[in-house]
PDB file of all heavy atoms in Angstrom:
ATOM      1  N   ASN A   1      -2.497  -5.324  -6.269  1.00  0.00           N
ATOM      2  CA  ASN A   1      -1.234  -6.131  -6.212  1.00  0.00           C
ATOM      3  C   ASN A   1      -0.136  -5.326  -5.538  1.00  0.00           C
ATOM      4  O   ASN A   1       0.601  -5.876  -4.728  1.00  0.00           O
ATOM      5  CB  ASN A   1      -0.828  -6.575  -7.608  1.00  0.00           C
ATOM      6  CG  ASN A   1       0.345  -7.573  -7.553  1.00  0.00           C
ATOM      7  OD1 ASN A   1       0.281  -8.633  -6.949  1.00  0.00           O
ATOM      8  ND2 ASN A   1       1.459  -7.231  -8.162  1.00  0.00           N
ATOM      9  N   GLU A   2       0.023  -3.981  -5.931  1.00  0.00           N
ATOM     10  CA  GLU A   2       1.012  -3.198  -5.275  1.00  0.00           C
ATOM     11  C   GLU A   2       0.759  -3.090  -3.752  1.00  0.00           C
ATOM     12  O   GLU A   2       1.738  -3.177  -2.982  1.00  0.00           O
ATOM     13  CB  GLU A   2       1.049  -1.845  -5.929  1.00  0.00           C
ATOM     14  CG  GLU A   2       2.067  -0.914  -5.328  1.00  0.00           C
ATOM     15  CD  GLU A   2       2.469   0.284  -6.213  1.00  0.00           C
ATOM     16  OE1 GLU A   2       1.687   0.624  -7.132  1.00  0.00           O
ATOM     17  OE2 GLU A   2       3.496   0.896  -5.928  1.00  0.00           O
ATOM     18  N   GLN A   3      -0.527  -2.982  -3.413  1.00  0.00           N
ATOM     19  CA  GLN A   3      -0.799  -2.887  -1.997  1.00  0.00           C
ATOM     20  C   GLN A   3      -0.406  -4.181  -1.269  1.00  0.00           C
ATOM     21  O   GLN A   3       0.243  -4.145  -0.214  1.00  0.00           O
ATOM     22  CB  GLN A   3      -2.348  -2.755  -1.838  1.00  0.00           C
ATOM     23  CG  GLN A   3      -2.919  -2.904  -0.427  1.00  0.00           C
ATOM     24  CD  GLN A   3      -4.395  -2.912  -0.384  1.00  0.00           C
ATOM     25  OE1 GLN A   3      -5.046  -2.045  -0.927  1.00  0.00           O
ATOM     26  NE2 GLN A   3      -5.036  -3.971   0.221  1.00  0.00           N
ATOM     27  N   ASN A   4      -0.648  -5.352  -1.879  1.00  0.00           N
ATOM     28  CA  ASN A   4      -0.334  -6.649  -1.251  1.00  0.00           C
ATOM     29  C   ASN A   4       1.162  -6.840  -1.145  1.00  0.00           C
ATOM     30  O   ASN A   4       1.680  -7.325  -0.121  1.00  0.00           O
ATOM     31  CB  ASN A   4      -0.972  -7.766  -2.008  1.00  0.00           C
ATOM     32  CG  ASN A   4      -2.469  -7.792  -1.906  1.00  0.00           C
ATOM     33  OD1 ASN A   4      -3.070  -7.196  -1.005  1.00  0.00           O
ATOM     34  ND2 ASN A   4      -3.179  -8.368  -2.866  1.00  0.00           N
ATOM     35  N   VAL A   5       1.873  -6.483  -2.196  1.00  0.00           N
ATOM     36  CA  VAL A   5       3.314  -6.627  -2.255  1.00  0.00           C
ATOM     37  C   VAL A   5       4.011  -5.715  -1.180  1.00  0.00           C
ATOM     38  O   VAL A   5       4.859  -6.115  -0.420  1.00  0.00           O
ATOM     39  CB  VAL A   5       3.937  -6.312  -3.638  1.00  0.00           C
ATOM     40  CG1 VAL A   5       5.455  -6.228  -3.599  1.00  0.00           C
ATOM     41  CG2 VAL A   5       3.460  -7.353  -4.649  1.00  0.00           C
ATOM     42  N   LEU A   6       3.523  -4.451  -1.061  1.00  0.00           N
ATOM     43  CA  LEU A   6       4.050  -3.554  -0.085  1.00  0.00           C
ATOM     44  C   LEU A   6       3.805  -3.995   1.334  1.00  0.00           C
ATOM     45  O   LEU A   6       4.669  -3.915   2.285  1.00  0.00           O
ATOM     46  CB  LEU A   6       3.534  -2.138  -0.352  1.00  0.00           C
ATOM     47  CG  LEU A   6       4.186  -1.430  -1.521  1.00  0.00           C
ATOM     48  CD1 LEU A   6       3.564  -0.095  -1.848  1.00  0.00           C
ATOM     49  CD2 LEU A   6       5.720  -1.210  -1.306  1.00  0.00           C
ATOM     50  N   LYS A   7       2.613  -4.516   1.611  1.00  0.00           N
ATOM     51  CA  LYS A   7       2.280  -5.042   2.917  1.00  0.00           C
ATOM     52  C   LYS A   7       3.236  -6.153   3.342  1.00  0.00           C
ATOM     53  O   LYS A   7       3.593  -6.342   4.489  1.00  0.00           O
ATOM     54  CB  LYS A   7       0.818  -5.508   2.999  1.00  0.00           C
ATOM     55  CG  LYS A   7      -0.183  -4.416   3.094  1.00  0.00           C
ATOM     56  CD  LYS A   7      -1.598  -4.957   3.185  1.00  0.00           C
ATOM     57  CE  LYS A   7      -2.623  -3.802   3.376  1.00  0.00           C
ATOM     58  NZ  LYS A   7      -3.999  -4.356   3.430  1.00  0.00           N
ATOM     59  N   ARG A   8       3.653  -6.908   2.337  1.00  0.00           N
ATOM     60  CA  ARG A   8       4.555  -8.025   2.571  1.00  0.00           C
ATOM     61  C   ARG A   8       6.006  -7.570   2.774  1.00  0.00           C
ATOM     62  O   ARG A   8       6.716  -8.092   3.641  1.00  0.00           O
ATOM     63  CB  ARG A   8       4.456  -8.999   1.399  1.00  0.00           C
ATOM     64  CG  ARG A   8       5.425 -10.178   1.497  1.00  0.00           C
ATOM     65  CD  ARG A   8       5.118 -11.176   0.419  1.00  0.00           C
ATOM     66  NE  ARG A   8       5.978 -12.367   0.495  1.00  0.00           N
ATOM     67  CZ  ARG A   8       5.621 -13.569   0.166  1.00  0.00           C
ATOM     68  NH1 ARG A   8       4.418 -13.748  -0.358  1.00  0.00           N
ATOM     69  NH2 ARG A   8       6.445 -14.583   0.200  1.00  0.00           N
ATOM     70  N   PHE A   9       6.421  -6.598   2.007  1.00  0.00           N
ATOM     71  CA  PHE A   9       7.861  -6.237   1.961  1.00  0.00           C
ATOM     72  C   PHE A   9       8.338  -4.966   2.598  1.00  0.00           C
ATOM     73  O   PHE A   9       9.486  -4.788   2.928  1.00  0.00           O
ATOM     74  CB  PHE A   9       8.368  -6.254   0.543  1.00  0.00           C
ATOM     75  CG  PHE A   9       8.414  -7.606  -0.119  1.00  0.00           C
ATOM     76  CD1 PHE A   9       7.472  -7.998  -1.052  1.00  0.00           C
ATOM     77  CD2 PHE A   9       9.371  -8.569   0.261  1.00  0.00           C
ATOM     78  CE1 PHE A   9       7.498  -9.233  -1.608  1.00  0.00           C
ATOM     79  CE2 PHE A   9       9.371  -9.861  -0.317  1.00  0.00           C
ATOM     80  CZ  PHE A   9       8.436 -10.201  -1.264  1.00  0.00           C
ATOM     81  N   GLN A  10       7.457  -3.933   2.745  1.00  0.00           N
ATOM     82  CA  GLN A  10       7.967  -2.616   3.071  1.00  0.00           C
ATOM     83  C   GLN A  10       8.607  -2.532   4.458  1.00  0.00           C
ATOM     84  O   GLN A  10       9.406  -1.595   4.692  1.00  0.00           O
ATOM     85  CB  GLN A  10       6.891  -1.556   2.945  1.00  0.00           C
ATOM     86  CG  GLN A  10       5.794  -1.564   3.930  1.00  0.00           C
ATOM     87  CD  GLN A  10       4.745  -0.488   3.663  1.00  0.00           C
ATOM     88  OE1 GLN A  10       4.318  -0.256   2.514  1.00  0.00           O
ATOM     89  NE2 GLN A  10       4.324   0.229   4.697  1.00  0.00           N
ATOM     90  N   TYR A  11       8.266  -3.415   5.366  1.00  0.00           N
ATOM     91  CA  TYR A  11       8.904  -3.333   6.709  1.00  0.00           C
ATOM     92  C   TYR A  11      10.211  -4.111   6.804  1.00  0.00           C
ATOM     93  O   TYR A  11      10.875  -4.097   7.737  1.00  0.00           O
ATOM     94  CB  TYR A  11       7.888  -3.883   7.747  1.00  0.00           C
ATOM     95  CG  TYR A  11       6.590  -3.073   7.757  1.00  0.00           C
ATOM     96  CD1 TYR A  11       5.414  -3.550   7.303  1.00  0.00           C
ATOM     97  CD2 TYR A  11       6.642  -1.704   8.261  1.00  0.00           C
ATOM     98  CE1 TYR A  11       4.272  -2.771   7.252  1.00  0.00           C
ATOM     99  CE2 TYR A  11       5.499  -0.958   8.237  1.00  0.00           C
ATOM    100  CZ  TYR A  11       4.345  -1.494   7.752  1.00  0.00           C
ATOM    101  OH  TYR A  11       3.155  -0.701   7.701  1.00  0.00           O
ATOM    102  N   ARG A  12      10.580  -4.686   5.624  1.00  0.00           N
ATOM    103  CA  ARG A  12      11.877  -5.464   5.622  1.00  0.00           C
ATOM    104  C   ARG A  12      12.982  -4.573   5.046  1.00  0.00           C
ATOM    105  O   ARG A  12      14.198  -4.910   5.126  1.00  0.00           O
ATOM    106  CB  ARG A  12      11.721  -6.694   4.726  1.00  0.00           C
ATOM    107  CG  ARG A  12      10.770  -7.730   5.246  1.00  0.00           C
ATOM    108  CD  ARG A  12      11.098  -9.035   4.488  1.00  0.00           C
ATOM    109  NE  ARG A  12       9.866  -9.832   4.363  1.00  0.00           N
ATOM    110  CZ  ARG A  12       9.825 -10.923   3.596  1.00  0.00           C
ATOM    111  NH1 ARG A  12      10.920 -11.287   2.922  1.00  0.00           N
ATOM    112  NH2 ARG A  12       8.677 -11.624   3.522  1.00  0.00           N
ATOM    113  N   THR A  13      12.611  -3.472   4.397  1.00  0.00           N
ATOM    114  CA  THR A  13      13.670  -2.614   3.791  1.00  0.00           C
ATOM    115  C   THR A  13      13.203  -1.185   3.742  1.00  0.00           C
ATOM    116  O   THR A  13      12.019  -0.924   3.507  1.00  0.00           O
ATOM    117  CB  THR A  13      14.058  -3.125   2.322  1.00  0.00           C
ATOM    118  OG1 THR A  13      14.919  -2.183   1.764  1.00  0.00           O
ATOM    119  CG2 THR A  13      12.781  -3.253   1.549  1.00  0.00           C
ATOM    120  N   PRO A  14      14.099  -0.170   3.925  1.00  0.00           N
ATOM    121  CA  PRO A  14      13.708   1.197   3.765  1.00  0.00           C
ATOM    122  C   PRO A  14      13.727   1.675   2.288  1.00  0.00           C
ATOM    123  O   PRO A  14      13.528   2.840   2.039  1.00  0.00           O
ATOM    124  CB  PRO A  14      14.793   1.925   4.603  1.00  0.00           C
ATOM    125  CG  PRO A  14      16.005   1.073   4.534  1.00  0.00           C
ATOM    126  CD  PRO A  14      15.489  -0.335   4.415  1.00  0.00           C
ATOM    127  N   TYR A  15      14.097   0.771   1.393  1.00  0.00           N
ATOM    128  CA  TYR A  15      14.351   1.165   0.006  1.00  0.00           C
ATOM    129  C   TYR A  15      13.159   0.843  -0.951  1.00  0.00           C
ATOM    130  O   TYR A  15      13.347   0.868  -2.194  1.00  0.00           O
ATOM    131  CB  TYR A  15      15.621   0.570  -0.517  1.00  0.00           C
ATOM    132  CG  TYR A  15      16.788   0.878   0.430  1.00  0.00           C
ATOM    133  CD1 TYR A  15      17.432  -0.105   1.097  1.00  0.00           C
ATOM    134  CD2 TYR A  15      17.117   2.193   0.631  1.00  0.00           C
ATOM    135  CE1 TYR A  15      18.537   0.279   1.958  1.00  0.00           C
ATOM    136  CE2 TYR A  15      18.197   2.554   1.442  1.00  0.00           C
ATOM    137  CZ  TYR A  15      18.867   1.593   2.155  1.00  0.00           C
ATOM    138  OH  TYR A  15      19.883   1.897   3.023  1.00  0.00           O
ATOM    139  N   LEU A  16      11.994   0.567  -0.442  1.00  0.00           N
ATOM    140  CA  LEU A  16      10.764   0.472  -1.229  1.00  0.00           C
ATOM    141  C   LEU A  16       9.870   1.632  -0.856  1.00  0.00           C
ATOM    142  O   LEU A  16       9.679   1.922   0.324  1.00  0.00           O
ATOM    143  CB  LEU A  16      10.013  -0.844  -0.999  1.00  0.00           C
ATOM    144  CG  LEU A  16      10.662  -2.148  -1.432  1.00  0.00           C
ATOM    145  CD1 LEU A  16       9.893  -3.345  -0.972  1.00  0.00           C
ATOM    146  CD2 LEU A  16      10.777  -2.140  -2.994  1.00  0.00           C
ATOM    147  N   ARG A  17       9.284   2.306  -1.856  1.00  0.00           N
ATOM    148  CA  ARG A  17       8.349   3.430  -1.583  1.00  0.00           C
ATOM    149  C   ARG A  17       7.172   2.863  -0.845  1.00  0.00           C
ATOM    150  O   ARG A  17       6.395   2.046  -1.413  1.00  0.00           O
ATOM    151  CB  ARG A  17       7.906   4.122  -2.805  1.00  0.00           C
ATOM    152  CG  ARG A  17       6.965   5.331  -2.449  1.00  0.00           C
ATOM    153  CD  ARG A  17       6.673   6.138  -3.646  1.00  0.00           C
ATOM    154  NE  ARG A  17       5.829   5.468  -4.664  1.00  0.00           N
ATOM    155  CZ  ARG A  17       5.229   6.111  -5.669  1.00  0.00           C
ATOM    156  NH1 ARG A  17       5.424   7.372  -5.873  1.00  0.00           N
ATOM    157  NH2 ARG A  17       4.545   5.420  -6.542  1.00  0.00           N
ATOM    158  N   PRO A  18       6.867   3.292   0.408  1.00  0.00           N
ATOM    159  CA  PRO A  18       5.909   2.549   1.243  1.00  0.00           C
ATOM    160  C   PRO A  18       4.467   2.986   0.972  1.00  0.00           C
ATOM    161  O   PRO A  18       4.166   4.152   0.582  1.00  0.00           O
ATOM    162  CB  PRO A  18       6.333   2.833   2.693  1.00  0.00           C
ATOM    163  CG  PRO A  18       6.997   4.213   2.550  1.00  0.00           C
ATOM    164  CD  PRO A  18       7.658   4.243   1.188  1.00  0.00           C
ATOM    165  N   LEU A  19       3.585   2.064   1.300  1.00  0.00           N
ATOM    166  CA  LEU A  19       2.126   2.292   1.423  1.00  0.00           C
ATOM    167  C   LEU A  19       1.942   3.055   2.747  1.00  0.00           C
ATOM    168  O   LEU A  19       2.400   2.630   3.751  1.00  0.00           O
ATOM    169  CB  LEU A  19       1.436   0.946   1.439  1.00  0.00           C
ATOM    170  CG  LEU A  19      -0.088   0.893   1.580  1.00  0.00           C
ATOM    171  CD1 LEU A  19      -0.728   1.267   0.265  1.00  0.00           C
ATOM    172  CD2 LEU A  19      -0.478  -0.553   1.994  1.00  0.00           C
ATOM    173  N   VAL A  20       1.156   4.173   2.686  1.00  0.00           N
ATOM    174  CA  VAL A  20       0.903   4.896   3.952  1.00  0.00           C
ATOM    175  C   VAL A  20      -0.477   4.772   4.385  1.00  0.00           C
ATOM    176  O   VAL A  20      -0.839   4.988   5.542  1.00  0.00           O
ATOM    177  CB  VAL A  20       1.335   6.419   3.853  1.00  0.00           C
ATOM    178  CG1 VAL A  20       2.840   6.556   3.674  1.00  0.00           C
ATOM    179  CG2 VAL A  20       0.580   7.090   2.745  1.00  0.00           C
ATOM    180  N   ASP A  21      -1.405   4.407   3.446  1.00  0.00           N
ATOM    181  CA  ASP A  21      -2.799   4.280   3.848  1.00  0.00           C
ATOM    182  C   ASP A  21      -3.597   3.540   2.730  1.00  0.00           C
ATOM    183  O   ASP A  21      -3.120   3.483   1.587  1.00  0.00           O
ATOM    184  CB  ASP A  21      -3.471   5.633   4.025  1.00  0.00           C
ATOM    185  CG  ASP A  21      -4.615   5.653   5.066  1.00  0.00           C
ATOM    186  OD1 ASP A  21      -5.073   4.516   5.421  1.00  0.00           O
ATOM    187  OD2 ASP A  21      -5.115   6.706   5.483  1.00  0.00           O
ATOM    188  N   VAL A  22      -4.770   2.989   3.138  1.00  0.00           N
ATOM    189  CA  VAL A  22      -5.671   2.317   2.225  1.00  0.00           C
ATOM    190  C   VAL A  22      -6.947   3.115   2.290  1.00  0.00           C
ATOM    191  O   VAL A  22      -7.434   3.440   3.336  1.00  0.00           O
ATOM    192  CB  VAL A  22      -5.897   0.896   2.565  1.00  0.00           C
ATOM    193  CG1 VAL A  22      -6.946   0.264   1.592  1.00  0.00           C
ATOM    194  CG2 VAL A  22      -4.572   0.055   2.438  1.00  0.00           C
ATOM    195  N   ILE A  23      -7.459   3.577   1.098  1.00  0.00           N
ATOM    196  CA  ILE A  23      -8.673   4.342   1.097  1.00  0.00           C
ATOM    197  C   ILE A  23      -9.938   3.451   1.277  1.00  0.00           C
ATOM    198  O   ILE A  23     -10.078   2.439   0.614  1.00  0.00           O
ATOM    199  CB  ILE A  23      -8.819   5.118  -0.224  1.00  0.00           C
ATOM    200  CG1 ILE A  23      -7.542   5.989  -0.496  1.00  0.00           C
ATOM    201  CG2 ILE A  23     -10.100   5.952  -0.276  1.00  0.00           C
ATOM    202  CD1 ILE A  23      -7.252   6.967   0.616  1.00  0.00           C
ATOM    203  N   GLU A  24     -10.785   3.859   2.219  1.00  0.00           N
ATOM    204  CA  GLU A  24     -12.027   3.100   2.481  1.00  0.00           C
ATOM    205  C   GLU A  24     -13.282   3.730   1.878  1.00  0.00           C
ATOM    206  O   GLU A  24     -14.226   3.022   1.562  1.00  0.00           O
ATOM    207  CB  GLU A  24     -12.224   2.933   3.983  1.00  0.00           C
ATOM    208  CG  GLU A  24     -11.092   2.104   4.661  1.00  0.00           C
ATOM    209  CD  GLU A  24     -11.325   1.851   6.096  1.00  0.00           C
ATOM    210  OE1 GLU A  24     -11.830   2.790   6.808  1.00  0.00           O
ATOM    211  OE2 GLU A  24     -10.972   0.747   6.569  1.00  0.00           O
ATOM    212  N   GLU A  25     -13.260   5.035   1.608  1.00  0.00           N
ATOM    213  CA  GLU A  25     -14.351   5.712   0.974  1.00  0.00           C
ATOM    214  C   GLU A  25     -13.770   6.638  -0.062  1.00  0.00           C
ATOM    215  O   GLU A  25     -12.975   7.578   0.239  1.00  0.00           O
ATOM    216  CB  GLU A  25     -15.214   6.545   1.938  1.00  0.00           C
ATOM    217  CG  GLU A  25     -16.050   5.656   2.892  1.00  0.00           C
ATOM    218  CD  GLU A  25     -16.879   6.572   3.799  1.00  0.00           C
ATOM    219  OE1 GLU A  25     -17.373   7.600   3.381  1.00  0.00           O
ATOM    220  OE2 GLU A  25     -16.987   6.230   5.000  1.00  0.00           O
ATOM    221  N   PRO A  26     -14.046   6.477  -1.402  1.00  0.00           N
ATOM    222  CA  PRO A  26     -14.908   5.400  -1.912  1.00  0.00           C
ATOM    223  C   PRO A  26     -14.203   3.985  -1.793  1.00  0.00           C
ATOM    224  O   PRO A  26     -13.004   3.919  -1.806  1.00  0.00           O
ATOM    225  CB  PRO A  26     -15.077   5.796  -3.392  1.00  0.00           C
ATOM    226  CG  PRO A  26     -13.873   6.617  -3.720  1.00  0.00           C
ATOM    227  CD  PRO A  26     -13.519   7.307  -2.414  1.00  0.00           C
ATOM    228  N   SER A  27     -15.040   2.977  -1.678  1.00  0.00           N
ATOM    229  CA  SER A  27     -14.553   1.657  -1.411  1.00  0.00           C
ATOM    230  C   SER A  27     -14.100   0.917  -2.664  1.00  0.00           C
ATOM    231  O   SER A  27     -13.367  -0.124  -2.582  1.00  0.00           O
ATOM    232  CB  SER A  27     -15.584   0.811  -0.716  1.00  0.00           C
ATOM    233  OG  SER A  27     -16.780   0.741  -1.470  1.00  0.00           O
ATOM    234  N   ALA A  28     -14.492   1.391  -3.832  1.00  0.00           N
ATOM    235  CA  ALA A  28     -14.104   0.705  -5.068  1.00  0.00           C
ATOM    236  C   ALA A  28     -13.854   1.812  -6.136  1.00  0.00           C
ATOM    237  O   ALA A  28     -14.467   2.864  -6.148  1.00  0.00           O
ATOM    238  CB  ALA A  28     -15.210  -0.207  -5.555  1.00  0.00           C
ATOM    239  N   PRO A  29     -12.872   1.598  -7.057  1.00  0.00           N
ATOM    240  CA  PRO A  29     -11.900   0.455  -7.032  1.00  0.00           C
ATOM    241  C   PRO A  29     -10.926   0.620  -5.924  1.00  0.00           C
ATOM    242  O   PRO A  29     -10.898   1.637  -5.225  1.00  0.00           O
ATOM    243  CB  PRO A  29     -11.308   0.583  -8.379  1.00  0.00           C
ATOM    244  CG  PRO A  29     -11.326   1.991  -8.750  1.00  0.00           C
ATOM    245  CD  PRO A  29     -12.603   2.518  -8.178  1.00  0.00           C
ATOM    246  N   VAL A  30     -10.069  -0.404  -5.763  1.00  0.00           N
ATOM    247  CA  VAL A  30      -8.971  -0.332  -4.689  1.00  0.00           C
ATOM    248  C   VAL A  30      -8.115   0.911  -4.951  1.00  0.00           C
ATOM    249  O   VAL A  30      -7.701   1.195  -6.075  1.00  0.00           O
ATOM    250  CB  VAL A  30      -8.092  -1.605  -4.781  1.00  0.00           C
ATOM    251  CG1 VAL A  30      -6.908  -1.476  -3.807  1.00  0.00           C
ATOM    252  CG2 VAL A  30      -8.912  -2.866  -4.467  1.00  0.00           C
ATOM    253  N   THR A  31      -7.994   1.660  -3.870  1.00  0.00           N
ATOM    254  CA  THR A  31      -7.246   2.978  -3.944  1.00  0.00           C
ATOM    255  C   THR A  31      -6.235   2.954  -2.757  1.00  0.00           C
ATOM    256  O   THR A  31      -6.601   2.704  -1.612  1.00  0.00           O
ATOM    257  CB  THR A  31      -8.196   4.158  -3.838  1.00  0.00           C
ATOM    258  OG1 THR A  31      -9.151   4.033  -4.920  1.00  0.00           O
ATOM    259  CG2 THR A  31      -7.378   5.487  -3.999  1.00  0.00           C
ATOM    260  N   ILE A  32      -5.009   3.350  -3.075  1.00  0.00           N
ATOM    261  CA  ILE A  32      -3.973   3.414  -2.005  1.00  0.00           C
ATOM    262  C   ILE A  32      -3.268   4.787  -1.970  1.00  0.00           C
ATOM    263  O   ILE A  32      -3.280   5.530  -2.980  1.00  0.00           O
ATOM    264  CB  ILE A  32      -2.899   2.283  -2.196  1.00  0.00           C
ATOM    265  CG1 ILE A  32      -2.234   2.391  -3.616  1.00  0.00           C
ATOM    266  CG2 ILE A  32      -3.560   0.847  -2.011  1.00  0.00           C
ATOM    267  CD1 ILE A  32      -1.096   1.406  -3.781  1.00  0.00           C
ATOM    268  N   ALA A  33      -2.747   5.093  -0.794  1.00  0.00           N
ATOM    269  CA  ALA A  33      -1.912   6.282  -0.630  1.00  0.00           C
ATOM    270  C   ALA A  33      -0.476   5.845  -0.386  1.00  0.00           C
ATOM    271  O   ALA A  33      -0.234   4.959   0.462  1.00  0.00           O
ATOM    272  CB  ALA A  33      -2.441   7.136   0.480  1.00  0.00           C
ATOM    273  N   LEU A  34       0.464   6.426  -1.176  1.00  0.00           N
ATOM    274  CA  LEU A  34       1.856   6.067  -1.077  1.00  0.00           C
ATOM    275  C   LEU A  34       2.652   7.321  -0.631  1.00  0.00           C
ATOM    276  O   LEU A  34       2.240   8.462  -0.744  1.00  0.00           O
ATOM    277  CB  LEU A  34       2.417   5.562  -2.449  1.00  0.00           C
ATOM    278  CG  LEU A  34       1.714   4.409  -3.041  1.00  0.00           C
ATOM    279  CD1 LEU A  34       2.010   4.295  -4.533  1.00  0.00           C
ATOM    280  CD2 LEU A  34       2.217   3.093  -2.306  1.00  0.00           C
TER     281      LEU A  34
END
């Protein structure tokens, strides 16, 4: 959910801590880099 919300909003404001990457390996569970 955090990944999806950031993809939607982070380019609209500099005041949300942004997603910098999505981890592909390991593929589960969903893992993100902030």
